[in-house]
PDB file of N, CA and C in Angstrom:
ATOM      1  N   MET A   1      79.919  58.459 131.117  1.00  0.00           N
ATOM      2  CA  MET A   1      80.608  59.281 132.096  1.00  0.00           C
ATOM      3  C   MET A   1      82.050  59.518 131.636  1.00  0.00           C
ATOM      4  N   PRO A   2      82.581  60.707 131.937  1.00  0.00           N
ATOM      5  CA  PRO A   2      83.952  61.027 131.544  1.00  0.00           C
ATOM      6  C   PRO A   2      84.971  60.147 132.258  1.00  0.00           C
ATOM      7  N   LYS A   3      86.087  59.897 131.560  1.00  0.00           N
ATOM      8  CA  LYS A   3      87.196  59.134 132.129  1.00  0.00           C
ATOM      9  C   LYS A   3      88.410  60.040 132.243  1.00  0.00           C
ATOM     10  N   VAL A   4      89.066  59.932 133.388  1.00  0.00           N
ATOM     11  CA  VAL A   4      90.294  60.688 133.635  1.00  0.00           C
ATOM     12  C   VAL A   4      91.418  59.682 133.830  1.00  0.00           C
ATOM     13  N   LYS A   5      92.452  59.808 133.005  1.00  0.00           N
ATOM     14  CA  LYS A   5      93.612  58.924 133.114  1.00  0.00           C
ATOM     15  C   LYS A   5      94.764  59.720 133.709  1.00  0.00           C
ATOM     16  N   PHE A   6      95.377  59.155 134.727  1.00  0.00           N
ATOM     17  CA  PHE A   6      96.477  59.826 135.414  1.00  0.00           C
ATOM     18  C   PHE A   6      97.791  59.146 135.067  1.00  0.00           C
ATOM     19  N   HIS A   7      98.768  59.957 134.690  1.00  0.00           N
ATOM     20  CA  HIS A   7     100.110  59.479 134.363  1.00  0.00           C
ATOM     21  C   HIS A   7     101.039  59.897 135.490  1.00  0.00           C
ATOM     22  N   PRO A   8     102.050  59.184 135.806  1.00  0.00           N
ATOM     23  CA  PRO A   8     102.564  58.010 135.122  1.00  0.00           C
ATOM     24  C   PRO A   8     101.941  56.686 135.579  1.00  0.00           C
ATOM     25  N   SER A   9     101.050  56.705 136.564  1.00  0.00           N
ATOM     26  CA  SER A   9     100.511  55.450 137.114  1.00  0.00           C
ATOM     27  C   SER A   9      99.593  54.696 136.152  1.00  0.00           C
ATOM     28  N   GLN A  10      98.992  55.402 135.194  1.00  0.00           N
ATOM     29  CA  GLN A  10      98.004  54.843 134.269  1.00  0.00           C
ATOM     30  C   GLN A  10      96.673  54.536 134.952  1.00  0.00           C
ATOM     31  N   ASN A  11      96.514  54.933 136.208  1.00  0.00           N
ATOM     32  CA  ASN A  11      95.235  54.744 136.893  1.00  0.00           C
ATOM     33  C   ASN A  11      94.179  55.605 136.216  1.00  0.00           C
ATOM     34  N   THR A  12      92.981  55.051 136.114  1.00  0.00           N
ATOM     35  CA  THR A  12      91.888  55.744 135.454  1.00  0.00           C
ATOM     36  C   THR A  12      90.675  55.762 136.371  1.00  0.00           C
ATOM     37  N   ALA A  13      89.929  56.861 136.321  1.00  0.00           N
ATOM     38  CA  ALA A  13      88.678  56.963 137.070  1.00  0.00           C
ATOM     39  C   ALA A  13      87.576  57.399 136.121  1.00  0.00           C
ATOM     40  N   GLU A  14      86.432  56.781 136.256  1.00  0.00           N
ATOM     41  CA  GLU A  14      85.234  57.219 135.550  1.00  0.00           C
ATOM     42  C   GLU A  14      84.434  58.034 136.562  1.00  0.00           C
ATOM     43  N   VAL A  15      84.132  59.274 136.202  1.00  0.00           N
ATOM     44  CA  VAL A  15      83.514  60.192 137.159  1.00  0.00           C
ATOM     45  C   VAL A  15      82.274  60.852 136.563  1.00  0.00           C
ATOM     46  N   GLU A  16      81.447  61.355 137.417  1.00  0.00           N
ATOM     47  CA  GLU A  16      80.296  62.144 136.989  1.00  0.00           C
ATOM     48  C   GLU A  16      80.804  63.438 136.349  1.00  0.00           C
ATOM     49  N   ALA A  17      80.096  63.930 135.370  1.00  0.00           N
ATOM     50  CA  ALA A  17      80.440  65.219 134.774  1.00  0.00           C
ATOM     51  C   ALA A  17      80.433  66.278 135.868  1.00  0.00           C
ATOM     52  N   ASN A  18      81.332  67.242 135.755  1.00  0.00           N
ATOM     53  CA  ASN A  18      81.464  68.372 136.670  1.00  0.00           C
ATOM     54  C   ASN A  18      82.191  68.014 137.966  1.00  0.00           C
ATOM     55  N   THR A  19      82.882  66.858 137.991  1.00  0.00           N
ATOM     56  CA  THR A  19      83.683  66.460 139.143  1.00  0.00           C
ATOM     57  C   THR A  19      85.038  67.148 139.066  1.00  0.00           C
ATOM     58  N   LYS A  20      85.506  67.673 140.184  1.00  0.00           N
ATOM     59  CA  LYS A  20      86.819  68.317 140.205  1.00  0.00           C
ATOM     60  C   LYS A  20      87.920  67.283 139.989  1.00  0.00           C
ATOM     61  N   LEU A  21      89.002  67.714 139.350  1.00  0.00           N
ATOM     62  CA  LEU A  21      90.149  66.832 139.139  1.00  0.00           C
ATOM     63  C   LEU A  21      90.670  66.271 140.459  1.00  0.00           C
ATOM     64  N   LEU A  22      90.673  67.068 141.497  1.00  0.00           N
ATOM     65  CA  LEU A  22      91.169  66.621 142.785  1.00  0.00           C
ATOM     66  C   LEU A  22      90.379  65.411 143.286  1.00  0.00           C
ATOM     67  N   LEU A  23      89.075  65.442 143.154  1.00  0.00           N
ATOM     68  CA  LEU A  23      88.229  64.319 143.570  1.00  0.00           C
ATOM     69  C   LEU A  23      88.365  63.144 142.606  1.00  0.00           C
ATOM     70  N   SER A  24      88.587  63.431 141.344  1.00  0.00           N
ATOM     71  CA  SER A  24      88.806  62.377 140.352  1.00  0.00           C
ATOM     72  C   SER A  24      90.053  61.574 140.703  1.00  0.00           C
ATOM     73  N   GLY A  25      91.080  62.260 141.166  1.00  0.00           N
ATOM     74  CA  GLY A  25      92.307  61.597 141.580  1.00  0.00           C
ATOM     75  C   GLY A  25      92.085  60.650 142.743  1.00  0.00           C
ATOM     76  N   ARG A  26      91.277  61.075 143.676  1.00  0.00           N
ATOM     77  CA  ARG A  26      90.948  60.190 144.803  1.00  0.00           C
ATOM     78  C   ARG A  26      90.270  58.926 144.324  1.00  0.00           C
ATOM     79  N   LYS A  27      89.328  59.108 143.389  1.00  0.00           N
ATOM     80  CA  LYS A  27      88.604  57.950 142.865  1.00  0.00           C
ATOM     81  C   LYS A  27      89.538  57.002 142.115  1.00  0.00           C
ATOM     82  N   ALA A  28      90.571  57.545 141.483  1.00  0.00           N
ATOM     83  CA  ALA A  28      91.539  56.738 140.731  1.00  0.00           C
ATOM     84  C   ALA A  28      92.658  56.201 141.626  1.00  0.00           C
ATOM     85  N   ALA A  29      92.596  56.498 142.910  1.00  0.00           N
ATOM     86  CA  ALA A  29      93.602  56.049 143.882  1.00  0.00           C
ATOM     87  C   ALA A  29      94.997  56.575 143.562  1.00  0.00           C
ATOM     88  N   VAL A  30      95.067  57.845 143.161  1.00  0.00           N
ATOM     89  CA  VAL A  30      96.355  58.505 142.952  1.00  0.00           C
ATOM     90  C   VAL A  30      96.458  59.680 143.918  1.00  0.00           C
ATOM     91  N   ASP A  31      97.670  60.013 144.260  1.00  0.00           N
ATOM     92  CA  ASP A  31      97.905  61.135 145.158  1.00  0.00           C
ATOM     93  C   ASP A  31      98.169  62.386 144.348  1.00  0.00           C
ATOM     94  N   ILE A  32      97.291  63.354 144.474  1.00  0.00           N
ATOM     95  CA  ILE A  32      97.508  64.678 143.896  1.00  0.00           C
ATOM     96  C   ILE A  32      97.899  65.582 145.059  1.00  0.00           C
ATOM     97  N   ARG A  33      99.095  66.135 144.988  1.00  0.00           N
ATOM     98  CA  ARG A  33      99.546  67.040 146.044  1.00  0.00           C
ATOM     99  C   ARG A  33      98.624  68.262 146.060  1.00  0.00           C
ATOM    100  N   PHE A  34      98.191  68.655 147.237  1.00  0.00           N
ATOM    101  CA  PHE A  34      97.379  69.862 147.359  1.00  0.00           C
ATOM    102  C   PHE A  34      97.608  70.471 148.734  1.00  0.00           C
ATOM    103  N   GLY A  35      97.235  71.730 148.848  1.00  0.00           N
ATOM    104  CA  GLY A  35      97.377  72.426 150.126  1.00  0.00           C
ATOM    105  C   GLY A  35      96.025  72.875 150.631  1.00  0.00           C
ATOM    106  N   CYS A  36      95.537  73.959 150.084  1.00  0.00           N
ATOM    107  CA  CYS A  36      94.311  74.564 150.593  1.00  0.00           C
ATOM    108  C   CYS A  36      93.033  74.018 149.957  1.00  0.00           C
ATOM    109  N   ALA A  37      93.109  73.493 148.748  1.00  0.00           N
ATOM    110  CA  ALA A  37      91.943  73.030 147.980  1.00  0.00           C
ATOM    111  C   ALA A  37      90.923  74.155 147.782  1.00  0.00           C
ATOM    112  N   ALA A  38      91.416  75.403 147.772  1.00  0.00           N
ATOM    113  CA  ALA A  38      90.525  76.552 147.648  1.00  0.00           C
ATOM    114  C   ALA A  38      91.082  77.634 146.727  1.00  0.00           C
ATOM    115  N   CYS A  39      91.967  77.256 145.805  1.00  0.00           N
ATOM    116  CA  CYS A  39      92.511  78.187 144.813  1.00  0.00           C
ATOM    117  C   CYS A  39      93.259  79.360 145.450  1.00  0.00           C
ATOM    118  N   ARG A  40      94.047  79.054 146.483  1.00  0.00           N
ATOM    119  CA  ARG A  40      94.813  80.102 147.126  1.00  0.00           C
ATOM    120  C   ARG A  40      96.324  79.843 147.109  1.00  0.00           C
ATOM    121  N   CYS A  41      96.720  78.557 146.961  1.00  0.00           N
ATOM    122  CA  CYS A  41      98.149  78.266 147.118  1.00  0.00           C
ATOM    123  C   CYS A  41      98.827  77.755 145.844  1.00  0.00           C
ATOM    124  N   GLY A  42      98.104  77.135 144.932  1.00  0.00           N
ATOM    125  CA  GLY A  42      98.689  76.623 143.700  1.00  0.00           C
ATOM    126  C   GLY A  42      99.393  75.285 143.836  1.00  0.00           C
ATOM    127  N   THR A  43      99.339  74.688 145.002  1.00  0.00           N
ATOM    128  CA  THR A  43     100.030  73.420 145.253  1.00  0.00           C
ATOM    129  C   THR A  43      99.510  72.296 144.365  1.00  0.00           C
ATOM    130  N   CYS A  44      98.247  72.351 143.983  1.00  0.00           N
ATOM    131  CA  CYS A  44      97.615  71.253 143.241  1.00  0.00           C
ATOM    132  C   CYS A  44      97.728  71.392 141.721  1.00  0.00           C
ATOM    133  N   ALA A  45      98.616  72.237 141.235  1.00  0.00           N
ATOM    134  CA  ALA A  45      98.777  72.390 139.785  1.00  0.00           C
ATOM    135  C   ALA A  45      99.193  71.075 139.146  1.00  0.00           C
ATOM    136  N   VAL A  46      98.539  70.734 138.043  1.00  0.00           N
ATOM    137  CA  VAL A  46      98.834  69.508 137.293  1.00  0.00           C
ATOM    138  C   VAL A  46      98.934  69.860 135.816  1.00  0.00           C
ATOM    139  N   LYS A  47      99.605  69.003 135.067  1.00  0.00           N
ATOM    140  CA  LYS A  47      99.743  69.214 133.625  1.00  0.00           C
ATOM    141  C   LYS A  47      98.669  68.419 132.898  1.00  0.00           C
ATOM    142  N   VAL A  48      98.027  69.057 131.943  1.00  0.00           N
ATOM    143  CA  VAL A  48      97.001  68.399 131.136  1.00  0.00           C
ATOM    144  C   VAL A  48      97.656  67.910 129.853  1.00  0.00           C
ATOM    145  N   LEU A  49      97.664  66.596 129.651  1.00  0.00           N
ATOM    146  CA  LEU A  49      98.278  66.009 128.460  1.00  0.00           C
ATOM    147  C   LEU A  49      97.306  65.960 127.290  1.00  0.00           C
ATOM    148  N   GLU A  50      96.072  65.593 127.566  1.00  0.00           N
ATOM    149  CA  GLU A  50      95.029  65.495 126.537  1.00  0.00           C
ATOM    150  C   GLU A  50      93.689  65.886 127.142  1.00  0.00           C
ATOM    151  N   GLY A  51      92.843  66.450 126.311  1.00  0.00           N
ATOM    152  CA  GLY A  51      91.475  66.741 126.733  1.00  0.00           C
ATOM    153  C   GLY A  51      91.288  68.038 127.487  1.00  0.00           C
ATOM    154  N   ALA A  52      92.183  68.998 127.307  1.00  0.00           N
ATOM    155  CA  ALA A  52      92.036  70.284 127.993  1.00  0.00           C
ATOM    156  C   ALA A  52      90.683  70.918 127.686  1.00  0.00           C
ATOM    157  N   GLN A  53      90.187  70.694 126.475  1.00  0.00           N
ATOM    158  CA  GLN A  53      88.894  71.251 126.077  1.00  0.00           C
ATOM    159  C   GLN A  53      87.736  70.581 126.826  1.00  0.00           C
ATOM    160  N   ASN A  54      88.011  69.449 127.484  1.00  0.00           N
ATOM    161  CA  ASN A  54      86.984  68.736 128.236  1.00  0.00           C
ATOM    162  C   ASN A  54      86.967  69.093 129.718  1.00  0.00           C
ATOM    163  N   LEU A  55      87.764  70.104 130.078  1.00  0.00           N
ATOM    164  CA  LEU A  55      87.756  70.616 131.437  1.00  0.00           C
ATOM    165  C   LEU A  55      87.016  71.947 131.454  1.00  0.00           C
ATOM    166  N   SER A  56      86.431  72.279 132.597  1.00  0.00           N
ATOM    167  CA  SER A  56      85.741  73.554 132.727  1.00  0.00           C
ATOM    168  C   SER A  56      86.708  74.697 132.414  1.00  0.00           C
ATOM    169  N   ALA A  57      86.173  75.788 131.914  1.00  0.00           N
ATOM    170  CA  ALA A  57      87.004  76.965 131.650  1.00  0.00           C
ATOM    171  C   ALA A  57      87.509  77.516 132.980  1.00  0.00           C
ATOM    172  N   PRO A  58      88.764  77.959 133.014  1.00  0.00           N
ATOM    173  CA  PRO A  58      89.279  78.523 134.267  1.00  0.00           C
ATOM    174  C   PRO A  58      88.532  79.803 134.642  1.00  0.00           C
ATOM    175  N   LYS A  59      88.245  79.933 135.914  1.00  0.00           N
ATOM    176  CA  LYS A  59      87.624  81.156 136.424  1.00  0.00           C
ATOM    177  C   LYS A  59      88.718  82.187 136.683  1.00  0.00           C
ATOM    178  N   LYS A  60      88.329  83.406 136.944  1.00  0.00           N
ATOM    179  CA  LYS A  60      89.296  84.496 137.114  1.00  0.00           C
ATOM    180  C   LYS A  60      90.274  84.246 138.248  1.00  0.00           C
ATOM    181  N   ASP A  61      89.797  83.661 139.353  1.00  0.00           N
ATOM    182  CA  ASP A  61      90.720  83.432 140.468  1.00  0.00           C
ATOM    183  C   ASP A  61      91.784  82.395 140.114  1.00  0.00           C
ATOM    184  N   GLU A  62      91.409  81.358 139.361  1.00  0.00           N
ATOM    185  CA  GLU A  62      92.403  80.367 138.930  1.00  0.00           C
ATOM    186  C   GLU A  62      93.385  81.002 137.953  1.00  0.00           C
ATOM    187  N   GLU A  63      92.889  81.742 136.992  1.00  0.00           N
ATOM    188  CA  GLU A  63      93.785  82.410 136.041  1.00  0.00           C
ATOM    189  C   GLU A  63      94.741  83.347 136.755  1.00  0.00           C
ATOM    190  N   GLY A  64      94.229  84.094 137.718  1.00  0.00           N
ATOM    191  CA  GLY A  64      95.067  85.026 138.467  1.00  0.00           C
ATOM    192  C   GLY A  64      96.174  84.323 139.232  1.00  0.00           C
ATOM    193  N   LEU A  65      95.835  83.198 139.866  1.00  0.00           N
ATOM    194  CA  LEU A  65      96.841  82.457 140.624  1.00  0.00           C
ATOM    195  C   LEU A  65      97.868  81.815 139.697  1.00  0.00           C
ATOM    196  N   LEU A  66      97.417  81.243 138.586  1.00  0.00           N
ATOM    197  CA  LEU A  66      98.362  80.679 137.618  1.00  0.00           C
ATOM    198  C   LEU A  66      99.326  81.752 137.119  1.00  0.00           C
ATOM    199  N   GLN A  67      98.806  82.932 136.879  1.00  0.00           N
ATOM    200  CA  GLN A  67      99.640  84.040 136.414  1.00  0.00           C
ATOM    201  C   GLN A  67     100.660  84.439 137.482  1.00  0.00           C
ATOM    202  N   LYS A  68     100.222  84.544 138.738  1.00  0.00           N
ATOM    203  CA  LYS A  68     101.146  84.884 139.825  1.00  0.00           C
ATOM    204  C   LYS A  68     102.251  83.847 139.962  1.00  0.00           C
ATOM    205  N   LEU A  69     101.893  82.598 139.702  1.00  0.00           N
ATOM    206  CA  LEU A  69     102.869  81.510 139.821  1.00  0.00           C
ATOM    207  C   LEU A  69     103.711  81.336 138.563  1.00  0.00           C
ATOM    208  N   LYS A  70     103.459  82.194 137.587  1.00  0.00           N
ATOM    209  CA  LYS A  70     104.184  82.149 136.312  1.00  0.00           C
ATOM    210  C   LYS A  70     104.007  80.812 135.599  1.00  0.00           C
ATOM    211  N   LEU A  71     102.783  80.292 135.650  1.00  0.00           N
ATOM    212  CA  LEU A  71     102.418  79.059 134.963  1.00  0.00           C
ATOM    213  C   LEU A  71     101.603  79.409 133.723  1.00  0.00           C
ATOM    214  N   PRO A  72     101.609  78.556 132.714  1.00  0.00           N
ATOM    215  CA  PRO A  72     100.908  78.858 131.468  1.00  0.00           C
ATOM    216  C   PRO A  72      99.400  79.037 131.669  1.00  0.00           C
ATOM    217  N   LEU A  73      98.847  79.924 130.869  1.00  0.00           N
ATOM    218  CA  LEU A  73      97.406  80.186 130.906  1.00  0.00           C
ATOM    219  C   LEU A  73      96.688  79.571 129.710  1.00  0.00           C
ATOM    220  N   ASP A  74      97.377  78.675 128.988  1.00  0.00           N
ATOM    221  CA  ASP A  74      96.819  78.113 127.760  1.00  0.00           C
ATOM    222  C   ASP A  74      96.059  76.802 127.968  1.00  0.00           C
ATOM    223  N   GLY A  75      95.836  76.413 129.234  1.00  0.00           N
ATOM    224  CA  GLY A  75      95.091  75.190 129.519  1.00  0.00           C
ATOM    225  C   GLY A  75      95.955  73.964 129.707  1.00  0.00           C
ATOM    226  N   THR A  76      97.273  74.101 129.505  1.00  0.00           N
ATOM    227  CA  THR A  76      98.162  72.946 129.669  1.00  0.00           C
ATOM    228  C   THR A  76      98.486  72.680 131.133  1.00  0.00           C
ATOM    229  N   VAL A  77      98.266  73.658 131.989  1.00  0.00           N
ATOM    230  CA  VAL A  77      98.415  73.490 133.435  1.00  0.00           C
ATOM    231  C   VAL A  77      97.134  73.998 134.074  1.00  0.00           C
ATOM    232  N   ARG A  78      96.600  73.186 134.979  1.00  0.00           N
ATOM    233  CA  ARG A  78      95.362  73.565 135.674  1.00  0.00           C
ATOM    234  C   ARG A  78      95.505  73.257 137.157  1.00  0.00           C
ATOM    235  N   LEU A  79      94.694  73.919 137.953  1.00  0.00           N
ATOM    236  CA  LEU A  79      94.636  73.622 139.377  1.00  0.00           C
ATOM    237  C   LEU A  79      93.605  72.532 139.593  1.00  0.00           C
ATOM    238  N   ALA A  80      94.026  71.425 140.198  1.00  0.00           N
ATOM    239  CA  ALA A  80      93.134  70.276 140.387  1.00  0.00           C
ATOM    240  C   ALA A  80      91.965  70.603 141.305  1.00  0.00           C
ATOM    241  N   CYS A  81      92.108  71.614 142.150  1.00  0.00           N
ATOM    242  CA  CYS A  81      91.014  71.999 143.044  1.00  0.00           C
ATOM    243  C   CYS A  81      89.952  72.829 142.331  1.00  0.00           C
ATOM    244  N   GLU A  82      90.239  73.281 141.117  1.00  0.00           N
ATOM    245  CA  GLU A  82      89.309  74.141 140.389  1.00  0.00           C
ATOM    246  C   GLU A  82      88.773  73.509 139.110  1.00  0.00           C
ATOM    247  N   ALA A  83      89.615  72.821 138.354  1.00  0.00           N
ATOM    248  CA  ALA A  83      89.218  72.269 137.053  1.00  0.00           C
ATOM    249  C   ALA A  83      88.207  71.142 137.246  1.00  0.00           C
ATOM    250  N   ARG A  84      87.122  71.218 136.498  1.00  0.00           N
ATOM    251  CA  ARG A  84      86.069  70.206 136.561  1.00  0.00           C
ATOM    252  C   ARG A  84      86.048  69.420 135.258  1.00  0.00           C
ATOM    253  N   VAL A  85      85.850  68.130 135.383  1.00  0.00           N
ATOM    254  CA  VAL A  85      85.890  67.202 134.257  1.00  0.00           C
ATOM    255  C   VAL A  85      84.524  67.143 133.579  1.00  0.00           C
ATOM    256  N   ASN A  86      84.511  67.394 132.270  1.00  0.00           N
ATOM    257  CA  ASN A  86      83.274  67.302 131.492  1.00  0.00           C
ATOM    258  C   ASN A  86      83.411  66.359 130.308  1.00  0.00           C
ATOM    259  N   GLY A  87      84.563  65.705 130.193  1.00  0.00           N
ATOM    260  CA  GLY A  87      84.842  64.755 129.129  1.00  0.00           C
ATOM    261  C   GLY A  87      86.171  64.088 129.418  1.00  0.00           C
ATOM    262  N   ASP A  88      86.545  63.141 128.591  1.00  0.00           N
ATOM    263  CA  ASP A  88      87.782  62.386 128.807  1.00  0.00           C
ATOM    264  C   ASP A  88      89.009  63.295 128.779  1.00  0.00           C
ATOM    265  N   CYS A  89      89.970  63.000 129.658  1.00  0.00           N
ATOM    266  CA  CYS A  89      91.216  63.760 129.685  1.00  0.00           C
ATOM    267  C   CYS A  89      92.324  62.916 130.307  1.00  0.00           C
ATOM    268  N   SER A  90      93.566  63.350 130.073  1.00  0.00           N
ATOM    269  CA  SER A  90      94.754  62.705 130.638  1.00  0.00           C
ATOM    270  C   SER A  90      95.547  63.755 131.398  1.00  0.00           C
ATOM    271  N   ILE A  91      95.951  63.396 132.596  1.00  0.00           N
ATOM    272  CA  ILE A  91      96.630  64.318 133.495  1.00  0.00           C
ATOM    273  C   ILE A  91      97.987  63.757 133.892  1.00  0.00           C
ATOM    274  N   ASP A  92      99.031  64.592 133.823  1.00  0.00           N
ATOM    275  CA  ASP A  92     100.383  64.189 134.199  1.00  0.00           C
ATOM    276  C   ASP A  92     100.686  64.686 135.610  1.00  0.00           C
ATOM    277  N   LEU A  93     100.756  63.751 136.551  1.00  0.00           N
ATOM    278  CA  LEU A  93     101.066  64.115 137.928  1.00  0.00           C
ATOM    279  C   LEU A  93     102.552  64.242 138.182  1.00  0.00           C
ATOM    280  N   SER A  94     103.395  63.751 137.274  1.00  0.00           N
ATOM    281  CA  SER A  94     104.835  63.893 137.465  1.00  0.00           C
ATOM    282  C   SER A  94     105.247  65.370 137.400  1.00  0.00           C
ATOM    283  N   PHE A  95     104.394  66.208 136.826  1.00  0.00           N
ATOM    284  CA  PHE A  95     104.612  67.654 136.824  1.00  0.00           C
ATOM    285  C   PHE A  95     104.814  68.152 138.261  1.00  0.00           C
ATOM    286  N   GLN A  96     104.095  67.553 139.200  1.00  0.00           N
ATOM    287  CA  GLN A  96     104.198  67.984 140.591  1.00  0.00           C
ATOM    288  C   GLN A  96     105.562  67.663 141.206  1.00  0.00           C
ATOM    289  N   ASP A  97     106.289  66.716 140.626  1.00  0.00           N
ATOM    290  CA  ASP A  97     107.626  66.389 141.117  1.00  0.00           C
ATOM    291  C   ASP A  97     108.628  67.495 140.799  1.00  0.00           C
ATOM    292  N   ASP A  98     108.388  68.204 139.715  1.00  0.00           N
ATOM    293  CA  ASP A  98     109.319  69.235 139.255  1.00  0.00           C
ATOM    294  C   ASP A  98     108.870  70.649 139.594  1.00  0.00           C
ATOM    295  N   TYR A  99     107.640  70.808 140.002  1.00  0.00           N
ATOM    296  CA  TYR A  99     107.049  72.125 140.218  1.00  0.00           C
ATOM    297  C   TYR A  99     106.990  72.437 141.709  1.00  0.00           C
ATOM    298  N   THR A 100     107.511  73.591 142.077  1.00  0.00           N
ATOM    299  CA  THR A 100     107.424  74.066 143.449  1.00  0.00           C
ATOM    300  C   THR A 100     106.530  75.299 143.450  1.00  0.00           C
ATOM    301  N   PRO A 101     105.383  75.226 144.100  1.00  0.00           N
ATOM    302  CA  PRO A 101     104.368  76.272 143.980  1.00  0.00           C
ATOM    303  C   PRO A 101     104.825  77.671 144.337  1.00  0.00           C
ATOM    304  N   HIS A 102     105.677  77.835 145.319  1.00  0.00           N
ATOM    305  CA  HIS A 102     105.959  79.191 145.778  1.00  0.00           C
ATOM    306  C   HIS A 102     107.200  79.816 145.154  1.00  0.00           C
ATOM    307  N   ILE A 103     107.904  79.078 144.309  1.00  0.00           N
ATOM    308  CA  ILE A 103     109.039  79.692 143.610  1.00  0.00           C
ATOM    309  C   ILE A 103     108.468  80.600 142.531  1.00  0.00           C
ATOM    310  N   GLY A 104     108.841  81.846 142.598  1.00  0.00           N
ATOM    311  CA  GLY A 104     108.346  82.813 141.621  1.00  0.00           C
ATOM    312  C   GLY A 104     107.029  83.438 142.025  1.00  0.00           C
ATOM    313  N   PHE A 105     106.482  83.042 143.156  1.00  0.00           N
ATOM    314  CA  PHE A 105     105.200  83.575 143.616  1.00  0.00           C
ATOM    315  C   PHE A 105     105.444  84.918 144.254  1.00  0.00           C
ATOM    316  N   ASP A 106     104.891  85.946 143.673  1.00  0.00           N
ATOM    317  CA  ASP A 106     105.042  87.298 144.202  1.00  0.00           C
ATOM    318  C   ASP A 106     103.808  87.661 145.002  1.00  0.00           C
ATOM    319  N   GLU A 107     103.965  87.810 146.312  1.00  0.00           N
ATOM    320  CA  GLU A 107     102.843  88.214 147.149  1.00  0.00           C
ATOM    321  C   GLU A 107     102.499  89.662 146.849  1.00  0.00           C
ATOM    322  N   ASP A 108     101.218  89.964 146.927  1.00  0.00           N
ATOM    323  CA  ASP A 108     100.770  91.347 146.703  1.00  0.00           C
ATOM    324  C   ASP A 108     101.044  92.192 147.920  1.00  0.00           C
TER     325      ASP A 108
END
C-alpha cells in the first residue's frame, strides 16, 4: 500500500491506492486546511515534495482552479480534495501557512 509522509510533522499514513490526499491526512492525524472539499475554493492546496508522479493526474476542474489561483500547474502544488494517492509521496503542509487561497483569485 502507498505511504504518504506529511511535513513538517513527519506523520505517515499507509493508505489504499486511489485514496484522496485529504483522507490520507486524516489517517496520518494531521490537519489539512480545507473548505469545500469539492474543488471549488482552493483552500486545501498543498505542496508536493516527492512522488508527484504517484498522484492521480489533475482533472480539468483542478487545473482550472489552480490556474485561477495563480498556482503552478506542474504537479508541485495539488488540491488535497482532488489528488489521489497511487504510490509513495511526501507532502508539505507548511505551504498552507504561507498560502492564502483567495489572494489573486479572479471571479468569473
